[in-house]
Amino acid sequence: MPIENFPRLTKETFESATQSQDGIVIFHKKVCPHCKIMGTVLDKMQLILPTACAAVDFEEEPELKALMDVERVPTLFAIKGGEARARFVGIMNPRETAEWFKKA
């Protein structure tokens, strides 16, 4: 599934969405090739470790970007228990992503 098809989070929806379920949130740009790769990876990763994935557009959500201190994309957050337990900047394969999320 392309990253654009993940549930989209905004400043208004971020807190309620991350409080209600564990998962991975990716900050991305529409034209970023590494972001597109991570979208595919997150798709495959969900087969290994079922979890929710959501996306935040880096350019359209400057307040949320500042709140989460995101400077580069792709930036992933492992959300567990309503809080960001881990951060990763860059790309990983599905197995690495699943292990990173489990350890968070």
PDB file of N, CA and C in Angstrom:
ATOM      1  N   MET A   1       0.860  -1.183   0.000  1.00  0.00           N
ATOM      2  CA  MET A   1       0.000   0.000   0.000  1.00  0.00           C
ATOM      3  C   MET A   1       0.897   1.233   0.000  1.00  0.00           C
ATOM      4  N   PRO A   2       0.666   2.146  -0.904  1.00  0.00           N
ATOM      5  CA  PRO A   2       1.456   3.385  -0.891  1.00  0.00           C
ATOM      6  C   PRO A   2       1.239   4.144   0.426  1.00  0.00           C
ATOM      7  N   ILE A   3       2.255   4.853   0.811  1.00  0.00           N
ATOM      8  CA  ILE A   3       2.209   5.585   2.073  1.00  0.00           C
ATOM      9  C   ILE A   3       1.034   6.559   2.122  1.00  0.00           C
ATOM     10  N   GLU A   4       0.625   7.051   0.964  1.00  0.00           N
ATOM     11  CA  GLU A   4      -0.503   7.986   0.916  1.00  0.00           C
ATOM     12  C   GLU A   4      -1.812   7.319   1.337  1.00  0.00           C
ATOM     13  N   ASN A   5      -1.857   5.988   1.327  1.00  0.00           N
ATOM     14  CA  ASN A   5      -3.072   5.275   1.719  1.00  0.00           C
ATOM     15  C   ASN A   5      -3.131   4.936   3.208  1.00  0.00           C
ATOM     16  N   PHE A   6      -2.039   5.163   3.932  1.00  0.00           N
ATOM     17  CA  PHE A   6      -2.083   4.962   5.384  1.00  0.00           C
ATOM     18  C   PHE A   6      -2.996   6.013   5.992  1.00  0.00           C
ATOM     19  N   PRO A   7      -3.611   5.717   7.126  1.00  0.00           N
ATOM     20  CA  PRO A   7      -4.397   6.759   7.803  1.00  0.00           C
ATOM     21  C   PRO A   7      -3.514   7.989   8.012  1.00  0.00           C
ATOM     22  N   ARG A   8      -4.052   9.145   7.694  1.00  0.00           N
ATOM     23  CA  ARG A   8      -3.298  10.395   7.779  1.00  0.00           C
ATOM     24  C   ARG A   8      -3.568  11.070   9.118  1.00  0.00           C
ATOM     25  N   LEU A   9      -2.501  11.428   9.812  1.00  0.00           N
ATOM     26  CA  LEU A   9      -2.642  12.111  11.094  1.00  0.00           C
ATOM     27  C   LEU A   9      -2.316  13.591  10.929  1.00  0.00           C
ATOM     28  N   THR A  10      -3.037  14.402  11.663  1.00  0.00           N
ATOM     29  CA  THR A  10      -2.808  15.848  11.694  1.00  0.00           C
ATOM     30  C   THR A  10      -2.563  16.251  13.133  1.00  0.00           C
ATOM     31  N   LYS A  11      -2.263  17.521  13.314  1.00  0.00           N
ATOM     32  CA  LYS A  11      -2.072  18.018  14.679  1.00  0.00           C
ATOM     33  C   LYS A  11      -3.308  17.746  15.530  1.00  0.00           C
ATOM     34  N   GLU A  12      -4.481  17.853  14.917  1.00  0.00           N
ATOM     35  CA  GLU A  12      -5.735  17.666  15.639  1.00  0.00           C
ATOM     36  C   GLU A  12      -6.034  16.200  15.962  1.00  0.00           C
ATOM     37  N   THR A  13      -5.571  15.267  15.131  1.00  0.00           N
ATOM     38  CA  THR A  13      -5.915  13.853  15.322  1.00  0.00           C
ATOM     39  C   THR A  13      -4.793  13.018  15.922  1.00  0.00           C
ATOM     40  N   PHE A  14      -3.592  13.564  15.986  1.00  0.00           N
ATOM     41  CA  PHE A  14      -2.429  12.783  16.403  1.00  0.00           C
ATOM     42  C   PHE A  14      -2.601  12.190  17.804  1.00  0.00           C
ATOM     43  N   GLU A  15      -2.926  13.020  18.767  1.00  0.00           N
ATOM     44  CA  GLU A  15      -2.997  12.542  20.152  1.00  0.00           C
ATOM     45  C   GLU A  15      -4.066  11.466  20.332  1.00  0.00           C
ATOM     46  N   SER A  16      -5.257  11.685  19.825  1.00  0.00           N
ATOM     47  CA  SER A  16      -6.317  10.699  20.004  1.00  0.00           C
ATOM     48  C   SER A  16      -5.986   9.395  19.275  1.00  0.00           C
ATOM     49  N   ALA A  17      -5.376   9.476  18.114  1.00  0.00           N
ATOM     50  CA  ALA A  17      -5.026   8.268  17.360  1.00  0.00           C
ATOM     51  C   ALA A  17      -3.929   7.472  18.057  1.00  0.00           C
ATOM     52  N   THR A  18      -2.946   8.158  18.607  1.00  0.00           N
ATOM     53  CA  THR A  18      -1.843   7.441  19.249  1.00  0.00           C
ATOM     54  C   THR A  18      -2.209   6.966  20.647  1.00  0.00           C
ATOM     55  N   GLN A  19      -3.225   7.534  21.254  1.00  0.00           N
ATOM     56  CA  GLN A  19      -3.689   7.055  22.559  1.00  0.00           C
ATOM     57  C   GLN A  19      -4.496   5.777  22.423  1.00  0.00           C
ATOM     58  N   SER A  20      -5.160   5.602  21.288  1.00  0.00           N
ATOM     59  CA  SER A  20      -6.117   4.510  21.146  1.00  0.00           C
ATOM     60  C   SER A  20      -5.504   3.194  20.666  1.00  0.00           C
ATOM     61  N   GLN A  21      -4.312   3.224  20.054  1.00  0.00           N
ATOM     62  CA  GLN A  21      -3.713   1.978  19.591  1.00  0.00           C
ATOM     63  C   GLN A  21      -2.211   2.101  19.433  1.00  0.00           C
ATOM     64  N   ASP A  22      -1.531   0.978  19.581  1.00  0.00           N
ATOM     65  CA  ASP A  22      -0.090   0.931  19.367  1.00  0.00           C
ATOM     66  C   ASP A  22       0.174   0.822  17.871  1.00  0.00           C
ATOM     67  N   GLY A  23       1.310   1.328  17.441  1.00  0.00           N
ATOM     68  CA  GLY A  23       1.644   1.225  16.029  1.00  0.00           C
ATOM     69  C   GLY A  23       2.838   2.072  15.665  1.00  0.00           C
ATOM     70  N   ILE A  24       3.022   2.249  14.381  1.00  0.00           N
ATOM     71  CA  ILE A  24       4.136   3.024  13.848  1.00  0.00           C
ATOM     72  C   ILE A  24       3.583   4.228  13.105  1.00  0.00           C
ATOM     73  N   VAL A  25       4.153   5.383  13.409  1.00  0.00           N
ATOM     74  CA  VAL A  25       3.804   6.617  12.703  1.00  0.00           C
ATOM     75  C   VAL A  25       5.027   7.023  11.900  1.00  0.00           C
ATOM     76  N   ILE A  26       4.815   7.298  10.611  1.00  0.00           N
ATOM     77  CA  ILE A  26       5.905   7.726   9.748  1.00  0.00           C
ATOM     78  C   ILE A  26       5.663   9.165   9.298  1.00  0.00           C
ATOM     79  N   PHE A  27       6.670  10.011   9.490  1.00  0.00           N
ATOM     80  CA  PHE A  27       6.661  11.367   8.941  1.00  0.00           C
ATOM     81  C   PHE A  27       7.323  11.261   7.571  1.00  0.00           C
ATOM     82  N   HIS A  28       6.671  11.781   6.548  1.00  0.00           N
ATOM     83  CA  HIS A  28       7.137  11.600   5.177  1.00  0.00           C
ATOM     84  C   HIS A  28       6.876  12.844   4.340  1.00  0.00           C
ATOM     85  N   LYS A  29       7.501  12.852   3.165  1.00  0.00           N
ATOM     86  CA  LYS A  29       7.211  13.837   2.114  1.00  0.00           C
ATOM     87  C   LYS A  29       6.720  13.054   0.904  1.00  0.00           C
ATOM     88  N   LYS A  30       5.824  13.661   0.147  1.00  0.00           N
ATOM     89  CA  LYS A  30       5.242  12.980  -1.014  1.00  0.00           C
ATOM     90  C   LYS A  30       6.285  12.623  -2.074  1.00  0.00           C
ATOM     91  N   VAL A  31       7.305  13.436  -2.236  1.00  0.00           N
ATOM     92  CA  VAL A  31       8.286  13.204  -3.291  1.00  0.00           C
ATOM     93  C   VAL A  31       9.560  12.499  -2.804  1.00  0.00           C
ATOM     94  N   CYS A  32       9.578  12.060  -1.578  1.00  0.00           N
ATOM     95  CA  CYS A  32      10.772  11.431  -1.003  1.00  0.00           C
ATOM     96  C   CYS A  32      10.853   9.955  -1.402  1.00  0.00           C
ATOM     97  N   PRO A  33      11.896   9.560  -2.152  1.00  0.00           N
ATOM     98  CA  PRO A  33      11.999   8.157  -2.553  1.00  0.00           C
ATOM     99  C   PRO A  33      12.200   7.211  -1.372  1.00  0.00           C
ATOM    100  N   HIS A  34      12.936   7.650  -0.351  1.00  0.00           N
ATOM    101  CA  HIS A  34      13.135   6.796   0.828  1.00  0.00           C
ATOM    102  C   HIS A  34      11.827   6.604   1.595  1.00  0.00           C
ATOM    103  N   CYS A  35      10.987   7.604   1.585  1.00  0.00           N
ATOM    104  CA  CYS A  35       9.677   7.493   2.233  1.00  0.00           C
ATOM    105  C   CYS A  35       8.814   6.459   1.520  1.00  0.00           C
ATOM    106  N   LYS A  36       8.879   6.460   0.199  1.00  0.00           N
ATOM    107  CA  LYS A  36       8.111   5.479  -0.583  1.00  0.00           C
ATOM    108  C   LYS A  36       8.600   4.061  -0.284  1.00  0.00           C
ATOM    109  N   ILE A  37       9.913   3.905  -0.157  1.00  0.00           N
ATOM    110  CA  ILE A  37      10.475   2.601   0.202  1.00  0.00           C
ATOM    111  C   ILE A  37       9.950   2.171   1.565  1.00  0.00           C
ATOM    112  N   MET A  38       9.966   3.091   2.532  1.00  0.00           N
ATOM    113  CA  MET A  38       9.495   2.729   3.881  1.00  0.00           C
ATOM    114  C   MET A  38       8.000   2.438   3.882  1.00  0.00           C
ATOM    115  N   GLY A  39       7.236   3.052   3.011  1.00  0.00           N
ATOM    116  CA  GLY A  39       5.817   2.724   2.895  1.00  0.00           C
ATOM    117  C   GLY A  39       5.636   1.269   2.500  1.00  0.00           C
ATOM    118  N   THR A  40       6.431   0.808   1.545  1.00  0.00           N
ATOM    119  CA  THR A  40       6.394  -0.593   1.127  1.00  0.00           C
ATOM    120  C   THR A  40       6.865  -1.504   2.254  1.00  0.00           C
ATOM    121  N   VAL A  41       7.920  -1.100   2.939  1.00  0.00           N
ATOM    122  CA  VAL A  41       8.444  -1.886   4.063  1.00  0.00           C
ATOM    123  C   VAL A  41       7.386  -2.014   5.158  1.00  0.00           C
ATOM    124  N   LEU A  42       6.723  -0.921   5.494  1.00  0.00           N
ATOM    125  CA  LEU A  42       5.706  -0.968   6.550  1.00  0.00           C
ATOM    126  C   LEU A  42       4.548  -1.871   6.149  1.00  0.00           C
ATOM    127  N   ASP A  43       4.224  -1.866   4.887  1.00  0.00           N
ATOM    128  CA  ASP A  43       3.200  -2.775   4.376  1.00  0.00           C
ATOM    129  C   ASP A  43       3.593  -4.228   4.628  1.00  0.00           C
ATOM    130  N   LYS A  44       4.803  -4.584   4.249  1.00  0.00           N
ATOM    131  CA  LYS A  44       5.295  -5.951   4.429  1.00  0.00           C
ATOM    132  C   LYS A  44       5.480  -6.275   5.905  1.00  0.00           C
ATOM    133  N   MET A  45       5.926  -5.311   6.676  1.00  0.00           N
ATOM    134  CA  MET A  45       6.166  -5.523   8.099  1.00  0.00           C
ATOM    135  C   MET A  45       4.878  -5.911   8.816  1.00  0.00           C
ATOM    136  N   GLN A  46       3.755  -5.378   8.373  1.00  0.00           N
ATOM    137  CA  GLN A  46       2.482  -5.689   9.014  1.00  0.00           C
ATOM    138  C   GLN A  46       2.116  -7.161   8.868  1.00  0.00           C
ATOM    139  N   LEU A  47       2.697  -7.858   7.887  1.00  0.00           N
ATOM    140  CA  LEU A  47       2.484  -9.293   7.747  1.00  0.00           C
ATOM    141  C   LEU A  47       3.289 -10.069   8.783  1.00  0.00           C
ATOM    142  N   ILE A  48       4.456  -9.532   9.145  1.00  0.00           N
ATOM    143  CA  ILE A  48       5.321 -10.163  10.136  1.00  0.00           C
ATOM    144  C   ILE A  48       4.811  -9.881  11.547  1.00  0.00           C
ATOM    145  N   LEU A  49       4.449  -8.651  11.789  1.00  0.00           N
ATOM    146  CA  LEU A  49       4.021  -8.205  13.117  1.00  0.00           C
ATOM    147  C   LEU A  49       2.833  -7.273  12.935  1.00  0.00           C
ATOM    148  N   PRO A  50       1.619  -7.806  13.017  1.00  0.00           N
ATOM    149  CA  PRO A  50       0.449  -6.940  12.793  1.00  0.00           C
ATOM    150  C   PRO A  50       0.433  -5.747  13.751  1.00  0.00           C
ATOM    151  N   THR A  51       0.411  -4.584  13.181  1.00  0.00           N
ATOM    152  CA  THR A  51       0.353  -3.357  13.955  1.00  0.00           C
ATOM    153  C   THR A  51      -0.210  -2.249  13.070  1.00  0.00           C
ATOM    154  N   ALA A  52      -0.733  -1.243  13.682  1.00  0.00           N
ATOM    155  CA  ALA A  52      -1.299  -0.122  12.928  1.00  0.00           C
ATOM    156  C   ALA A  52      -0.179   0.782  12.422  1.00  0.00           C
ATOM    157  N   CYS A  53      -0.358   1.321  11.233  1.00  0.00           N
ATOM    158  CA  CYS A  53       0.582   2.289  10.681  1.00  0.00           C
ATOM    159  C   CYS A  53      -0.197   3.526  10.259  1.00  0.00           C
ATOM    160  N   ALA A  54       0.390   4.682  10.525  1.00  0.00           N
ATOM    161  CA  ALA A  54      -0.230   5.944  10.140  1.00  0.00           C
ATOM    162  C   ALA A  54       0.863   6.871   9.634  1.00  0.00           C
ATOM    163  N   ALA A  55       0.461   7.899   8.883  1.00  0.00           N
ATOM    164  CA  ALA A  55       1.418   8.790   8.251  1.00  0.00           C
ATOM    165  C   ALA A  55       1.124  10.253   8.580  1.00  0.00           C
ATOM    166  N   VAL A  56       2.202  11.028   8.668  1.00  0.00           N
ATOM    167  CA  VAL A  56       2.110  12.477   8.855  1.00  0.00           C
ATOM    168  C   VAL A  56       2.900  13.117   7.723  1.00  0.00           C
ATOM    169  N   ASP A  57       2.253  14.006   6.973  1.00  0.00           N
ATOM    170  CA  ASP A  57       2.933  14.715   5.897  1.00  0.00           C
ATOM    171  C   ASP A  57       3.819  15.796   6.502  1.00  0.00           C
ATOM    172  N   PHE A  58       5.115  15.645   6.318  1.00  0.00           N
ATOM    173  CA  PHE A  58       6.128  16.530   6.878  1.00  0.00           C
ATOM    174  C   PHE A  58       5.902  17.987   6.494  1.00  0.00           C
ATOM    175  N   GLU A  59       5.471  18.222   5.266  1.00  0.00           N
ATOM    176  CA  GLU A  59       5.322  19.587   4.768  1.00  0.00           C
ATOM    177  C   GLU A  59       3.981  20.209   5.144  1.00  0.00           C
ATOM    178  N   GLU A  60       2.969  19.387   5.345  1.00  0.00           N
ATOM    179  CA  GLU A  60       1.631  19.907   5.639  1.00  0.00           C
ATOM    180  C   GLU A  60       1.343  20.054   7.133  1.00  0.00           C
ATOM    181  N   GLU A  61       2.212  19.502   7.972  1.00  0.00           N
ATOM    182  CA  GLU A  61       1.988  19.540   9.424  1.00  0.00           C
ATOM    183  C   GLU A  61       3.198  20.118  10.162  1.00  0.00           C
ATOM    184  N   PRO A  62       3.515  21.409   9.927  1.00  0.00           N
ATOM    185  CA  PRO A  62       4.714  21.984  10.559  1.00  0.00           C
ATOM    186  C   PRO A  62       4.646  22.018  12.086  1.00  0.00           C
ATOM    187  N   GLU A  63       3.466  22.220  12.658  1.00  0.00           N
ATOM    188  CA  GLU A  63       3.361  22.253  14.124  1.00  0.00           C
ATOM    189  C   GLU A  63       3.612  20.873  14.721  1.00  0.00           C
ATOM    190  N   LEU A  64       3.082  19.843  14.098  1.00  0.00           N
ATOM    191  CA  LEU A  64       3.285  18.480  14.580  1.00  0.00           C
ATOM    192  C   LEU A  64       4.740  18.058  14.384  1.00  0.00           C
ATOM    193  N   LYS A  65       5.317  18.482  13.273  1.00  0.00           N
ATOM    194  CA  LYS A  65       6.737  18.230  13.000  1.00  0.00           C
ATOM    195  C   LYS A  65       7.593  18.851  14.108  1.00  0.00           C
ATOM    196  N   ALA A  66       7.282  20.071  14.494  1.00  0.00           N
ATOM    197  CA  ALA A  66       8.033  20.750  15.554  1.00  0.00           C
ATOM    198  C   ALA A  66       7.786  20.084  16.907  1.00  0.00           C
ATOM    199  N   LEU A  67       6.551  19.725  17.185  1.00  0.00           N
ATOM    200  CA  LEU A  67       6.205  19.081  18.450  1.00  0.00           C
ATOM    201  C   LEU A  67       6.976  17.773  18.641  1.00  0.00           C
ATOM    202  N   MET A  68       7.109  17.008  17.558  1.00  0.00           N
ATOM    203  CA  MET A  68       7.798  15.719  17.637  1.00  0.00           C
ATOM    204  C   MET A  68       9.291  15.829  17.313  1.00  0.00           C
ATOM    205  N   ASP A  69       9.767  17.061  17.077  1.00  0.00           N
ATOM    206  CA  ASP A  69      11.174  17.335  16.801  1.00  0.00           C
ATOM    207  C   ASP A  69      11.690  16.526  15.613  1.00  0.00           C
ATOM    208  N   VAL A  70      10.944  16.560  14.516  1.00  0.00           N
ATOM    209  CA  VAL A  70      11.315  15.843  13.304  1.00  0.00           C
ATOM    210  C   VAL A  70      12.027  16.806  12.362  1.00  0.00           C
ATOM    211  N   GLU A  71      13.257  16.446  11.973  1.00  0.00           N
ATOM    212  CA  GLU A  71      14.039  17.290  11.081  1.00  0.00           C
ATOM    213  C   GLU A  71      14.218  16.700   9.698  1.00  0.00           C
ATOM    214  N   ARG A  72      14.157  15.348   9.595  1.00  0.00           N
ATOM    215  CA  ARG A  72      14.375  14.678   8.315  1.00  0.00           C
ATOM    216  C   ARG A  72      13.323  13.596   8.113  1.00  0.00           C
ATOM    217  N   VAL A  73      13.175  13.191   6.866  1.00  0.00           N
ATOM    218  CA  VAL A  73      12.254  12.103   6.545  1.00  0.00           C
ATOM    219  C   VAL A  73      13.004  11.014   5.801  1.00  0.00           C
ATOM    220  N   PRO A  74      12.555   9.791   5.894  1.00  0.00           N
ATOM    221  CA  PRO A  74      11.471   9.332   6.751  1.00  0.00           C
ATOM    222  C   PRO A  74      11.919   9.223   8.208  1.00  0.00           C
ATOM    223  N   THR A  75      11.032   9.641   9.104  1.00  0.00           N
ATOM    224  CA  THR A  75      11.225   9.453  10.541  1.00  0.00           C
ATOM    225  C   THR A  75      10.070   8.610  11.040  1.00  0.00           C
ATOM    226  N   LEU A  76      10.408   7.519  11.722  1.00  0.00           N
ATOM    227  CA  LEU A  76       9.400   6.610  12.262  1.00  0.00           C
ATOM    228  C   LEU A  76       9.372   6.713  13.777  1.00  0.00           C
ATOM    229  N   PHE A  77       8.183   6.610  14.329  1.00  0.00           N
ATOM    230  CA  PHE A  77       8.000   6.547  15.770  1.00  0.00           C
ATOM    231  C   PHE A  77       7.275   5.261  16.110  1.00  0.00           C
ATOM    232  N   ALA A  78       7.779   4.543  17.105  1.00  0.00           N
ATOM    233  CA  ALA A  78       7.073   3.384  17.644  1.00  0.00           C
ATOM    234  C   ALA A  78       6.201   3.899  18.773  1.00  0.00           C
ATOM    235  N   ILE A  79       4.896   3.800  18.602  1.00  0.00           N
ATOM    236  CA  ILE A  79       3.943   4.290  19.592  1.00  0.00           C
ATOM    237  C   ILE A  79       3.422   3.098  20.386  1.00  0.00           C
ATOM    238  N   LYS A  80       3.607   3.155  21.694  1.00  0.00           N
ATOM    239  CA  LYS A  80       3.102   2.101  22.577  1.00  0.00           C
ATOM    240  C   LYS A  80       2.572   2.757  23.838  1.00  0.00           C
ATOM    241  N   GLY A  81       1.397   2.329  24.245  1.00  0.00           N
ATOM    242  CA  GLY A  81       0.810   2.889  25.462  1.00  0.00           C
ATOM    243  C   GLY A  81       0.578   4.384  25.381  1.00  0.00           C
ATOM    244  N   GLY A  82       0.348   4.883  24.178  1.00  0.00           N
ATOM    245  CA  GLY A  82       0.050   6.297  24.017  1.00  0.00           C
ATOM    246  C   GLY A  82       1.255   7.212  23.974  1.00  0.00           C
ATOM    247  N   GLU A  83       2.459   6.649  23.965  1.00  0.00           N
ATOM    248  CA  GLU A  83       3.637   7.513  23.888  1.00  0.00           C
ATOM    249  C   GLU A  83       4.658   6.966  22.895  1.00  0.00           C
ATOM    250  N   ALA A  84       5.493   7.870  22.406  1.00  0.00           N
ATOM    251  CA  ALA A  84       6.544   7.490  21.467  1.00  0.00           C
ATOM    252  C   ALA A  84       7.665   6.826  22.255  1.00  0.00           C
ATOM    253  N   ARG A  85       7.859   5.530  22.028  1.00  0.00           N
ATOM    254  CA  ARG A  85       8.868   4.774  22.772  1.00  0.00           C
ATOM    255  C   ARG A  85      10.193   4.681  22.033  1.00  0.00           C
ATOM    256  N   ALA A  86      10.177   4.893  20.715  1.00  0.00           N
ATOM    257  CA  ALA A  86      11.414   4.833  19.931  1.00  0.00           C
ATOM    258  C   ALA A  86      11.248   5.683  18.676  1.00  0.00           C
ATOM    259  N   ARG A  87      12.390   6.129  18.164  1.00  0.00           N
ATOM    260  CA  ARG A  87      12.437   6.936  16.940  1.00  0.00           C
ATOM    261  C   ARG A  87      13.515   6.339  16.051  1.00  0.00           C
ATOM    262  N   PHE A  88      13.249   6.364  14.739  1.00  0.00           N
ATOM    263  CA  PHE A  88      14.239   5.913  13.770  1.00  0.00           C
ATOM    264  C   PHE A  88      14.160   6.826  12.557  1.00  0.00           C
ATOM    265  N   VAL A  89      15.315   7.263  12.080  1.00  0.00           N
ATOM    266  CA  VAL A  89      15.387   8.100  10.881  1.00  0.00           C
ATOM    267  C   VAL A  89      16.118   7.298   9.808  1.00  0.00           C
ATOM    268  N   GLY A  90      15.467   7.134   8.661  1.00  0.00           N
ATOM    269  CA  GLY A  90      16.092   6.407   7.563  1.00  0.00           C
ATOM    270  C   GLY A  90      15.226   5.248   7.110  1.00  0.00           C
ATOM    271  N   ILE A  91      15.888   4.237   6.503  1.00  0.00           N
ATOM    272  CA  ILE A  91      15.135   3.086   6.012  1.00  0.00           C
ATOM    273  C   ILE A  91      15.658   1.798   6.649  1.00  0.00           C
ATOM    274  N   MET A  92      14.742   0.852   6.797  1.00  0.00           N
ATOM    275  CA  MET A  92      15.039  -0.488   7.301  1.00  0.00           C
ATOM    276  C   MET A  92      14.262  -1.472   6.442  1.00  0.00           C
ATOM    277  N   ASN A  93      14.629  -2.751   6.534  1.00  0.00           N
ATOM    278  CA  ASN A  93      13.838  -3.764   5.859  1.00  0.00           C
ATOM    279  C   ASN A  93      12.706  -4.210   6.799  1.00  0.00           C
ATOM    280  N   PRO A  94      11.762  -5.011   6.328  1.00  0.00           N
ATOM    281  CA  PRO A  94      10.628  -5.395   7.181  1.00  0.00           C
ATOM    282  C   PRO A  94      11.038  -6.092   8.480  1.00  0.00           C
ATOM    283  N   ARG A  95      12.000  -7.000   8.394  1.00  0.00           N
ATOM    284  CA  ARG A  95      12.430  -7.719   9.604  1.00  0.00           C
ATOM    285  C   ARG A  95      13.075  -6.767  10.612  1.00  0.00           C
ATOM    286  N   GLU A  96      13.928  -5.865  10.137  1.00  0.00           N
ATOM    287  CA  GLU A  96      14.558  -4.876  11.020  1.00  0.00           C
ATOM    288  C   GLU A  96      13.503  -3.978  11.665  1.00  0.00           C
ATOM    289  N   THR A  97      12.514  -3.586  10.877  1.00  0.00           N
ATOM    290  CA  THR A  97      11.449  -2.723  11.386  1.00  0.00           C
ATOM    291  C   THR A  97      10.648  -3.438  12.464  1.00  0.00           C
ATOM    292  N   ALA A  98      10.329  -4.706  12.231  1.00  0.00           N
ATOM    293  CA  ALA A  98       9.581  -5.490  13.222  1.00  0.00           C
ATOM    294  C   ALA A  98      10.377  -5.635  14.516  1.00  0.00           C
ATOM    295  N   GLU A  99      11.667  -5.908  14.410  1.00  0.00           N
ATOM    296  CA  GLU A  99      12.520  -6.038  15.603  1.00  0.00           C
ATOM    297  C   GLU A  99      12.624  -4.704  16.344  1.00  0.00           C
ATOM    298  N   TRP A 100      12.781  -3.612  15.607  1.00  0.00           N
ATOM    299  CA  TRP A 100      12.855  -2.283  16.212  1.00  0.00           C
ATOM    300  C   TRP A 100      11.571  -1.994  16.983  1.00  0.00           C
ATOM    301  N   PHE A 101      10.422  -2.322  16.379  1.00  0.00           N
ATOM    302  CA  PHE A 101       9.141  -2.062  17.046  1.00  0.00           C
ATOM    303  C   PHE A 101       8.985  -2.934  18.287  1.00  0.00           C
ATOM    304  N   LYS A 102       9.362  -4.202  18.200  1.00  0.00           N
ATOM    305  CA  LYS A 102       9.244  -5.111  19.348  1.00  0.00           C
ATOM    306  C   LYS A 102      10.078  -4.616  20.538  1.00  0.00           C
ATOM    307  N   LYS A 103      11.285  -4.111  20.239  1.00  0.00           N
ATOM    308  CA  LYS A 103      12.192  -3.656  21.305  1.00  0.00           C
ATOM    309  C   LYS A 103      11.772  -2.328  21.928  1.00  0.00           C
ATOM    310  N   ALA A 104      10.963  -1.584  21.240  1.00  0.00           N
ATOM    311  CA  ALA A 104      10.558  -0.249  21.720  1.00  0.00           C
ATOM    312  C   ALA A 104       9.752  -0.332  23.004  1.00  0.00           C
TER     313      ALA A 104
END
